[in-house]
Amino acid sequence: MLKDAGYTDREVKNAIKDKQKARRQRSLSKLSLSFMIQTNVKASRTEKKVGRAVRNMDRIKRKQNDGSELFYDRSAIYSGWWLPFSAHYF
């Protein structure tokens, strides 16, 4: 079809090559974008878990300092947990 329009074989070849190159670049950018989205989702989930653990530890400390024995001591649950520095309490 392009030959009928007056394009040479070399021009057709270059056009096909450029089109395939652009297609490869788009697929790579989509792949890296989906990877970044997944990484951000995982990071936000981890941050929520850490925040929840820190709030629970604070609640436990407050209950221990109150002197009220209405609740069991659950600090053993969190013993050995490694909380990253983003927990803003360390």
PDB file of N, CA and C in Angstrom:
ATOM      1  N   MET A   1       0.819  -1.183   0.000  1.00  0.00           N
ATOM      2  CA  MET A   1       0.000   0.000   0.000  1.00  0.00           C
ATOM      3  C   MET A   1       0.872   1.259   0.000  1.00  0.00           C
ATOM      4  N   LEU A   2       1.930   1.245   0.825  1.00  0.00           N
ATOM      5  CA  LEU A   2       2.812   2.410   0.858  1.00  0.00           C
ATOM      6  C   LEU A   2       3.615   2.540  -0.438  1.00  0.00           C
ATOM      7  N   LYS A   3       3.918   1.380  -1.035  1.00  0.00           N
ATOM      8  CA  LYS A   3       4.663   1.422  -2.298  1.00  0.00           C
ATOM      9  C   LYS A   3       3.813   2.070  -3.392  1.00  0.00           C
ATOM     10  N   ASP A   4       2.514   1.793  -3.350  1.00  0.00           N
ATOM     11  CA  ASP A   4       1.611   2.401  -4.328  1.00  0.00           C
ATOM     12  C   ASP A   4       1.521   3.907  -4.127  1.00  0.00           C
ATOM     13  N   ALA A   5       1.754   4.360  -2.886  1.00  0.00           N
ATOM     14  CA  ALA A   5       1.678   5.791  -2.594  1.00  0.00           C
ATOM     15  C   ALA A   5       2.959   6.514  -2.988  1.00  0.00           C
ATOM     16  N   GLY A   6       3.968   5.764  -3.424  1.00  0.00           N
ATOM     17  CA  GLY A   6       5.183   6.405  -3.914  1.00  0.00           C
ATOM     18  C   GLY A   6       6.357   6.346  -2.943  1.00  0.00           C
ATOM     19  N   TYR A   7       6.244   5.566  -1.865  1.00  0.00           N
ATOM     20  CA  TYR A   7       7.363   5.443  -0.927  1.00  0.00           C
ATOM     21  C   TYR A   7       8.314   4.351  -1.391  1.00  0.00           C
ATOM     22  N   THR A   8       9.600   4.538  -1.119  1.00  0.00           N
ATOM     23  CA  THR A   8      10.600   3.538  -1.503  1.00  0.00           C
ATOM     24  C   THR A   8      10.625   2.425  -0.457  1.00  0.00           C
ATOM     25  N   ASP A   9      11.279   1.319  -0.836  1.00  0.00           N
ATOM     26  CA  ASP A   9      11.391   0.189   0.095  1.00  0.00           C
ATOM     27  C   ASP A   9      12.136   0.594   1.363  1.00  0.00           C
ATOM     28  N   ARG A  10      13.145   1.409   1.203  1.00  0.00           N
ATOM     29  CA  ARG A  10      13.941   1.848   2.358  1.00  0.00           C
ATOM     30  C   ARG A  10      13.093   2.696   3.319  1.00  0.00           C
ATOM     31  N   GLU A  11      12.273   3.590   2.787  1.00  0.00           N
ATOM     32  CA  GLU A  11      11.410   4.420   3.633  1.00  0.00           C
ATOM     33  C   GLU A  11      10.375   3.567   4.373  1.00  0.00           C
ATOM     34  N   VAL A  12       9.839   2.564   3.682  1.00  0.00           N
ATOM     35  CA  VAL A  12       8.865   1.666   4.310  1.00  0.00           C
ATOM     36  C   VAL A  12       9.531   0.889   5.437  1.00  0.00           C
ATOM     37  N   LYS A  13      10.745   0.385   5.190  1.00  0.00           N
ATOM     38  CA  LYS A  13      11.487  -0.374   6.202  1.00  0.00           C
ATOM     39  C   LYS A  13      11.767   0.485   7.430  1.00  0.00           C
ATOM     40  N   ASN A  14      12.215   1.718   7.203  1.00  0.00           N
ATOM     41  CA  ASN A  14      12.505   2.625   8.324  1.00  0.00           C
ATOM     42  C   ASN A  14      11.241   2.962   9.114  1.00  0.00           C
ATOM     43  N   ALA A  15      10.141   3.147   8.415  1.00  0.00           N
ATOM     44  CA  ALA A  15       8.880   3.458   9.098  1.00  0.00           C
ATOM     45  C   ALA A  15       8.439   2.286   9.973  1.00  0.00           C
ATOM     46  N   ILE A  16       8.564   1.072   9.446  1.00  0.00           N
ATOM     47  CA  ILE A  16       8.196  -0.119  10.228  1.00  0.00           C
ATOM     48  C   ILE A  16       9.102  -0.258  11.444  1.00  0.00           C
ATOM     49  N   LYS A  17      10.401  -0.027  11.234  1.00  0.00           N
ATOM     50  CA  LYS A  17      11.356  -0.126  12.336  1.00  0.00           C
ATOM     51  C   LYS A  17      11.045   0.896  13.433  1.00  0.00           C
ATOM     52  N   ASP A  18      10.736   2.126  13.035  1.00  0.00           N
ATOM     53  CA  ASP A  18      10.402   3.166  14.019  1.00  0.00           C
ATOM     54  C   ASP A  18       9.113   2.834  14.772  1.00  0.00           C
ATOM     55  N   LYS A  19       8.151   2.287  14.049  1.00  0.00           N
ATOM     56  CA  LYS A  19       6.881   1.938  14.685  1.00  0.00           C
ATOM     57  C   LYS A  19       7.079   0.822  15.714  1.00  0.00           C
ATOM     58  N   GLN A  20       7.877  -0.186  15.359  1.00  0.00           N
ATOM     59  CA  GLN A  20       8.147  -1.277  16.299  1.00  0.00           C
ATOM     60  C   GLN A  20       8.933  -0.784  17.515  1.00  0.00           C
ATOM     61  N   LYS A  21       9.863   0.128  17.288  1.00  0.00           N
ATOM     62  CA  LYS A  21      10.644   0.693  18.389  1.00  0.00           C
ATOM     63  C   LYS A  21       9.741   1.454  19.361  1.00  0.00           C
ATOM     64  N   ALA A  22       8.836   2.250  18.821  1.00  0.00           N
ATOM     65  CA  ALA A  22       7.904   3.003  19.665  1.00  0.00           C
ATOM     66  C   ALA A  22       6.997   2.057  20.449  1.00  0.00           C
ATOM     67  N   ARG A  23       6.563   0.981  19.804  1.00  0.00           N
ATOM     68  CA  ARG A  23       5.703   0.001  20.474  1.00  0.00           C
ATOM     69  C   ARG A  23       6.446  -0.671  21.635  1.00  0.00           C
ATOM     70  N   ARG A  24       7.720  -1.019  21.410  1.00  0.00           N
ATOM     71  CA  ARG A  24       8.525  -1.631  22.488  1.00  0.00           C
ATOM     72  C   ARG A  24       8.701  -0.671  23.654  1.00  0.00           C
ATOM     73  N   GLN A  25       8.955   0.588  23.363  1.00  0.00           N
ATOM     74  CA  GLN A  25       9.138   1.576  24.430  1.00  0.00           C
ATOM     75  C   GLN A  25       7.855   1.765  25.237  1.00  0.00           C
ATOM     76  N   ARG A  26       6.717   1.766  24.569  1.00  0.00           N
ATOM     77  CA  ARG A  26       5.440   1.908  25.292  1.00  0.00           C
ATOM     78  C   ARG A  26       5.203   0.715  26.207  1.00  0.00           C
ATOM     79  N   SER A  27       5.498  -0.487  25.721  1.00  0.00           N
ATOM     80  CA  SER A  27       5.257  -1.667  26.556  1.00  0.00           C
ATOM     81  C   SER A  27       6.193  -1.671  27.761  1.00  0.00           C
ATOM     82  N   LEU A  28       7.432  -1.211  27.581  1.00  0.00           N
ATOM     83  CA  LEU A  28       8.360  -1.147  28.714  1.00  0.00           C
ATOM     84  C   LEU A  28       7.914  -0.112  29.729  1.00  0.00           C
ATOM     85  N   SER A  29       7.428   1.026  29.256  1.00  0.00           N
ATOM     86  CA  SER A  29       7.005   2.062  30.196  1.00  0.00           C
ATOM     87  C   SER A  29       5.765   1.611  30.970  1.00  0.00           C
ATOM     88  N   LYS A  30       4.865   0.872  30.318  1.00  0.00           N
ATOM     89  CA  LYS A  30       3.695   0.351  31.023  1.00  0.00           C
ATOM     90  C   LYS A  30       4.126  -0.660  32.077  1.00  0.00           C
ATOM     91  N   LEU A  31       5.101  -1.496  31.738  1.00  0.00           N
ATOM     92  CA  LEU A  31       5.580  -2.506  32.674  1.00  0.00           C
ATOM     93  C   LEU A  31       6.186  -1.850  33.903  1.00  0.00           C
ATOM     94  N   SER A  32       7.028  -0.854  33.703  1.00  0.00           N
ATOM     95  CA  SER A  32       7.657  -0.202  34.851  1.00  0.00           C
ATOM     96  C   SER A  32       6.631   0.583  35.655  1.00  0.00           C
ATOM     97  N   LEU A  33       5.630   1.124  34.998  1.00  0.00           N
ATOM     98  CA  LEU A  33       4.587   1.864  35.706  1.00  0.00           C
ATOM     99  C   LEU A  33       3.782   0.927  36.600  1.00  0.00           C
ATOM    100  N   SER A  34       3.423  -0.249  36.083  1.00  0.00           N
ATOM    101  CA  SER A  34       2.659  -1.192  36.904  1.00  0.00           C
ATOM    102  C   SER A  34       3.505  -1.673  38.072  1.00  0.00           C
ATOM    103  N   PHE A  35       4.800  -1.847  37.865  1.00  0.00           N
ATOM    104  CA  PHE A  35       5.692  -2.245  38.957  1.00  0.00           C
ATOM    105  C   PHE A  35       5.734  -1.169  40.032  1.00  0.00           C
ATOM    106  N   MET A  36       5.797   0.095  39.613  1.00  0.00           N
ATOM    107  CA  MET A  36       5.826   1.195  40.580  1.00  0.00           C
ATOM    108  C   MET A  36       4.514   1.268  41.358  1.00  0.00           C
ATOM    109  N   ILE A  37       3.403   1.052  40.680  1.00  0.00           N
ATOM    110  CA  ILE A  37       2.108   1.085  41.361  1.00  0.00           C
ATOM    111  C   ILE A  37       2.045  -0.018  42.411  1.00  0.00           C
ATOM    112  N   GLN A  38       2.463  -1.227  42.031  1.00  0.00           N
ATOM    113  CA  GLN A  38       2.450  -2.341  42.981  1.00  0.00           C
ATOM    114  C   GLN A  38       3.368  -2.069  44.160  1.00  0.00           C
ATOM    115  N   THR A  39       4.529  -1.485  43.897  1.00  0.00           N
ATOM    116  CA  THR A  39       5.468  -1.169  44.974  1.00  0.00           C
ATOM    117  C   THR A  39       4.867  -0.146  45.924  1.00  0.00           C
ATOM    118  N   ASN A  40       4.206   0.865  45.389  1.00  0.00           N
ATOM    119  CA  ASN A  40       3.578   1.885  46.237  1.00  0.00           C
ATOM    120  C   ASN A  40       2.445   1.298  47.069  1.00  0.00           C
ATOM    121  N   VAL A  41       1.679   0.388  46.493  1.00  0.00           N
ATOM    122  CA  VAL A  41       0.585  -0.244  47.238  1.00  0.00           C
ATOM    123  C   VAL A  41       1.145  -1.068  48.386  1.00  0.00           C
ATOM    124  N   LYS A  42       2.214  -1.838  48.107  1.00  0.00           N
ATOM    125  CA  LYS A  42       2.832  -2.644  49.169  1.00  0.00           C
ATOM    126  C   LYS A  42       3.394  -1.754  50.267  1.00  0.00           C
ATOM    127  N   ALA A  43       4.014  -0.661  49.878  1.00  0.00           N
ATOM    128  CA  ALA A  43       4.594   0.246  50.879  1.00  0.00           C
ATOM    129  C   ALA A  43       3.504   0.868  51.741  1.00  0.00           C
ATOM    130  N   SER A  44       2.382   1.237  51.133  1.00  0.00           N
ATOM    131  CA  SER A  44       1.307   1.839  51.932  1.00  0.00           C
ATOM    132  C   SER A  44       0.698   0.815  52.880  1.00  0.00           C
ATOM    133  N   ARG A  45       0.590  -0.443  52.450  1.00  0.00           N
ATOM    134  CA  ARG A  45       0.080  -1.489  53.342  1.00  0.00           C
ATOM    135  C   ARG A  45       1.023  -1.698  54.517  1.00  0.00           C
ATOM    136  N   THR A  46       2.321  -1.732  54.228  1.00  0.00           N
ATOM    137  CA  THR A  46       3.302  -1.900  55.299  1.00  0.00           C
ATOM    138  C   THR A  46       3.233  -0.733  56.268  1.00  0.00           C
ATOM    139  N   GLU A  47       3.087   0.460  55.742  1.00  0.00           N
ATOM    140  CA  GLU A  47       3.009   1.650  56.593  1.00  0.00           C
ATOM    141  C   GLU A  47       1.769   1.594  57.489  1.00  0.00           C
ATOM    142  N   LYS A  48       0.655   1.117  56.946  1.00  0.00           N
ATOM    143  CA  LYS A  48      -0.557   0.979  57.756  1.00  0.00           C
ATOM    144  C   LYS A  48      -0.349  -0.041  58.868  1.00  0.00           C
ATOM    145  N   LYS A  49       0.307  -1.168  58.543  1.00  0.00           N
ATOM    146  CA  LYS A  49       0.566  -2.189  59.559  1.00  0.00           C
ATOM    147  C   LYS A  49       1.436  -1.637  60.673  1.00  0.00           C
ATOM    148  N   VAL A  50       2.467  -0.906  60.292  1.00  0.00           N
ATOM    149  CA  VAL A  50       3.377  -0.331  61.286  1.00  0.00           C
ATOM    150  C   VAL A  50       2.635   0.671  62.158  1.00  0.00           C
ATOM    151  N   GLY A  51       1.837   1.517  61.537  1.00  0.00           N
ATOM    152  CA  GLY A  51       1.072   2.496  62.308  1.00  0.00           C
ATOM    153  C   GLY A  51       0.114   1.831  63.279  1.00  0.00           C
ATOM    154  N   ARG A  52      -0.534   0.762  62.835  1.00  0.00           N
ATOM    155  CA  ARG A  52      -1.456   0.034  63.699  1.00  0.00           C
ATOM    156  C   ARG A  52      -0.712  -0.581  64.879  1.00  0.00           C
ATOM    157  N   ALA A  53       0.452  -1.168  64.607  1.00  0.00           N
ATOM    158  CA  ALA A  53       1.243  -1.776  65.679  1.00  0.00           C
ATOM    159  C   ALA A  53       1.694  -0.728  66.688  1.00  0.00           C
ATOM    160  N   VAL A  54       2.107   0.424  66.206  1.00  0.00           N
ATOM    161  CA  VAL A  54       2.557   1.494  67.106  1.00  0.00           C
ATOM    162  C   VAL A  54       1.397   1.995  67.960  1.00  0.00           C
ATOM    163  N   ARG A  55       0.233   2.175  67.345  1.00  0.00           N
ATOM    164  CA  ARG A  55      -0.940   2.611  68.125  1.00  0.00           C
ATOM    165  C   ARG A  55      -1.308   1.582  69.184  1.00  0.00           C
ATOM    166  N   ASN A  56      -1.247   0.307  68.814  1.00  0.00           N
ATOM    167  CA  ASN A  56      -1.560  -0.743  69.783  1.00  0.00           C
ATOM    168  C   ASN A  56      -0.553  -0.749  70.928  1.00  0.00           C
ATOM    169  N   MET A  57       0.715  -0.561  70.609  1.00  0.00           N
ATOM    170  CA  MET A  57       1.731  -0.523  71.665  1.00  0.00           C
ATOM    171  C   MET A  57       1.507   0.675  72.579  1.00  0.00           C
ATOM    172  N   ASP A  58       1.133   1.804  72.019  1.00  0.00           N
ATOM    173  CA  ASP A  58       0.843   2.987  72.842  1.00  0.00           C
ATOM    174  C   ASP A  58      -0.353   2.741  73.753  1.00  0.00           C
ATOM    175  N   ARG A  59      -1.389   2.109  73.211  1.00  0.00           N
ATOM    176  CA  ARG A  59      -2.562   1.785  74.026  1.00  0.00           C
ATOM    177  C   ARG A  59      -2.175   0.890  75.195  1.00  0.00           C
ATOM    178  N   ILE A  60      -1.342  -0.100  74.899  1.00  0.00           N
ATOM    179  CA  ILE A  60      -0.891  -1.024  75.949  1.00  0.00           C
ATOM    180  C   ILE A  60      -0.120  -0.267  77.020  1.00  0.00           C
ATOM    181  N   LYS A  61       0.772   0.628  76.603  1.00  0.00           N
ATOM    182  CA  LYS A  61       1.560   1.403  77.572  1.00  0.00           C
ATOM    183  C   LYS A  61       0.654   2.289  78.422  1.00  0.00           C
ATOM    184  N   ARG A  62      -0.343   2.928  77.791  1.00  0.00           N
ATOM    185  CA  ARG A  62      -1.260   3.787  78.542  1.00  0.00           C
ATOM    186  C   ARG A  62      -2.054   2.987  79.568  1.00  0.00           C
ATOM    187  N   LYS A  63      -2.494   1.806  79.173  1.00  0.00           N
ATOM    188  CA  LYS A  63      -3.265   0.972  80.094  1.00  0.00           C
ATOM    189  C   LYS A  63      -2.399   0.493  81.252  1.00  0.00           C
ATOM    190  N   GLN A  64      -1.131   0.223  80.972  1.00  0.00           N
ATOM    191  CA  GLN A  64      -0.228  -0.205  82.043  1.00  0.00           C
ATOM    192  C   GLN A  64       0.038   0.947  83.002  1.00  0.00           C
ATOM    193  N   ASN A  65       0.135   2.157  82.489  1.00  0.00           N
ATOM    194  CA  ASN A  65       0.413   3.314  83.342  1.00  0.00           C
ATOM    195  C   ASN A  65      -0.819   3.762  84.127  1.00  0.00           C
ATOM    196  N   ASP A  66      -2.005   3.429  83.651  1.00  0.00           N
ATOM    197  CA  ASP A  66      -3.229   3.801  84.366  1.00  0.00           C
ATOM    198  C   ASP A  66      -3.349   3.069  85.692  1.00  0.00           C
ATOM    199  N   GLY A  67      -2.836   1.880  85.743  1.00  0.00           N
ATOM    200  CA  GLY A  67      -2.977   1.073  86.945  1.00  0.00           C
ATOM    201  C   GLY A  67      -4.256   0.268  86.940  1.00  0.00           C
ATOM    202  N   SER A  68      -5.063   0.422  85.918  1.00  0.00           N
ATOM    203  CA  SER A  68      -6.293  -0.373  85.849  1.00  0.00           C
ATOM    204  C   SER A  68      -5.948  -1.749  85.303  1.00  0.00           C
ATOM    205  N   GLU A  69      -6.446  -2.745  85.957  1.00  0.00           N
ATOM    206  CA  GLU A  69      -6.145  -4.121  85.565  1.00  0.00           C
ATOM    207  C   GLU A  69      -7.319  -4.749  84.824  1.00  0.00           C
ATOM    208  N   LEU A  70      -8.073  -3.937  84.098  1.00  0.00           N
ATOM    209  CA  LEU A  70      -9.218  -4.463  83.371  1.00  0.00           C
ATOM    210  C   LEU A  70      -8.803  -5.251  82.135  1.00  0.00           C
ATOM    211  N   PHE A  71      -7.609  -4.960  81.609  1.00  0.00           N
ATOM    212  CA  PHE A  71      -7.159  -5.603  80.385  1.00  0.00           C
ATOM    213  C   PHE A  71      -5.918  -6.433  80.669  1.00  0.00           C
ATOM    214  N   TYR A  72      -5.769  -7.490  79.922  1.00  0.00           N
ATOM    215  CA  TYR A  72      -4.589  -8.323  80.061  1.00  0.00           C
ATOM    216  C   TYR A  72      -3.393  -7.620  79.441  1.00  0.00           C
ATOM    217  N   ASP A  73      -2.224  -7.968  79.912  1.00  0.00           N
ATOM    218  CA  ASP A  73      -0.994  -7.408  79.359  1.00  0.00           C
ATOM    219  C   ASP A  73      -0.688  -8.125  78.052  1.00  0.00           C
ATOM    220  N   ARG A  74      -0.753  -7.402  76.954  1.00  0.00           N
ATOM    221  CA  ARG A  74      -0.532  -8.017  75.644  1.00  0.00           C
ATOM    222  C   ARG A  74       0.791  -7.598  75.028  1.00  0.00           C
ATOM    223  N   SER A  75       1.693  -7.090  75.805  1.00  0.00           N
ATOM    224  CA  SER A  75       2.973  -6.664  75.241  1.00  0.00           C
ATOM    225  C   SER A  75       3.773  -7.849  74.721  1.00  0.00           C
ATOM    226  N   ALA A  76       3.473  -9.051  75.201  1.00  0.00           N
ATOM    227  CA  ALA A  76       4.176 -10.244  74.716  1.00  0.00           C
ATOM    228  C   ALA A  76       3.870 -10.485  73.241  1.00  0.00           C
ATOM    229  N   ILE A  77       2.742  -9.984  72.781  1.00  0.00           N
ATOM    230  CA  ILE A  77       2.380 -10.164  71.368  1.00  0.00           C
ATOM    231  C   ILE A  77       3.401  -9.470  70.475  1.00  0.00           C
ATOM    232  N   TYR A  78       3.851  -8.283  70.904  1.00  0.00           N
ATOM    233  CA  TYR A  78       4.730  -7.481  70.059  1.00  0.00           C
ATOM    234  C   TYR A  78       6.210  -7.684  70.377  1.00  0.00           C
ATOM    235  N   SER A  79       6.525  -8.582  71.271  1.00  0.00           N
ATOM    236  CA  SER A  79       7.949  -8.780  71.587  1.00  0.00           C
ATOM    237  C   SER A  79       8.643  -9.387  70.375  1.00  0.00           C
ATOM    238  N   GLY A  80       9.771  -8.834  70.031  1.00  0.00           N
ATOM    239  CA  GLY A  80      10.518  -9.325  68.883  1.00  0.00           C
ATOM    240  C   GLY A  80      10.131  -8.686  67.572  1.00  0.00           C
ATOM    241  N   TRP A  81       9.173  -7.782  67.576  1.00  0.00           N
ATOM    242  CA  TRP A  81       8.786  -7.114  66.341  1.00  0.00           C
ATOM    243  C   TRP A  81       9.836  -6.087  65.979  1.00  0.00           C
ATOM    244  N   TRP A  82      10.137  -6.007  64.701  1.00  0.00           N
ATOM    245  CA  TRP A  82      11.037  -4.962  64.221  1.00  0.00           C
ATOM    246  C   TRP A  82      10.179  -3.918  63.552  1.00  0.00           C
ATOM    247  N   LEU A  83      10.157  -2.729  64.126  1.00  0.00           N
ATOM    248  CA  LEU A  83       9.387  -1.636  63.542  1.00  0.00           C
ATOM    249  C   LEU A  83      10.344  -0.689  62.836  1.00  0.00           C
ATOM    250  N   PRO A  84      10.122  -0.410  61.565  1.00  0.00           N
ATOM    251  CA  PRO A  84      11.034   0.480  60.842  1.00  0.00           C
ATOM    252  C   PRO A  84      10.972   1.905  61.383  1.00  0.00           C
ATOM    253  N   PHE A  85      11.937   2.698  60.991  1.00  0.00           N
ATOM    254  CA  PHE A  85      12.058   4.050  61.514  1.00  0.00           C
ATOM    255  C   PHE A  85      10.928   4.955  61.065  1.00  0.00           C
ATOM    256  N   SER A  86      10.152   4.520  60.090  1.00  0.00           N
ATOM    257  CA  SER A  86       9.045   5.354  59.643  1.00  0.00           C
ATOM    258  C   SER A  86       7.901   5.337  60.647  1.00  0.00           C
ATOM    259  N   ALA A  87       8.052   4.596  61.724  1.00  0.00           N
ATOM    260  CA  ALA A  87       6.984   4.507  62.713  1.00  0.00           C
ATOM    261  C   ALA A  87       6.898   5.766  63.561  1.00  0.00           C
ATOM    262  N   HIS A  88       7.795   6.693  63.400  1.00  0.00           N
ATOM    263  CA  HIS A  88       7.850   8.024  63.992  1.00  0.00           C
ATOM    264  C   HIS A  88       7.867   8.019  65.519  1.00  0.00           C
ATOM    265  N   TYR A  89       8.021   6.880  66.137  1.00  0.00           N
ATOM    266  CA  TYR A  89       8.142   6.842  67.582  1.00  0.00           C
ATOM    267  C   TYR A  89       9.559   6.504  68.022  1.00  0.00           C
ATOM    268  N   PHE A  90      10.377   6.118  67.072  1.00  0.00           N
ATOM    269  CA  PHE A  90      11.750   5.729  67.408  1.00  0.00           C
ATOM    270  C   PHE A  90      12.725   6.809  67.017  1.00  0.00           C
TER     271      PHE A  90
END
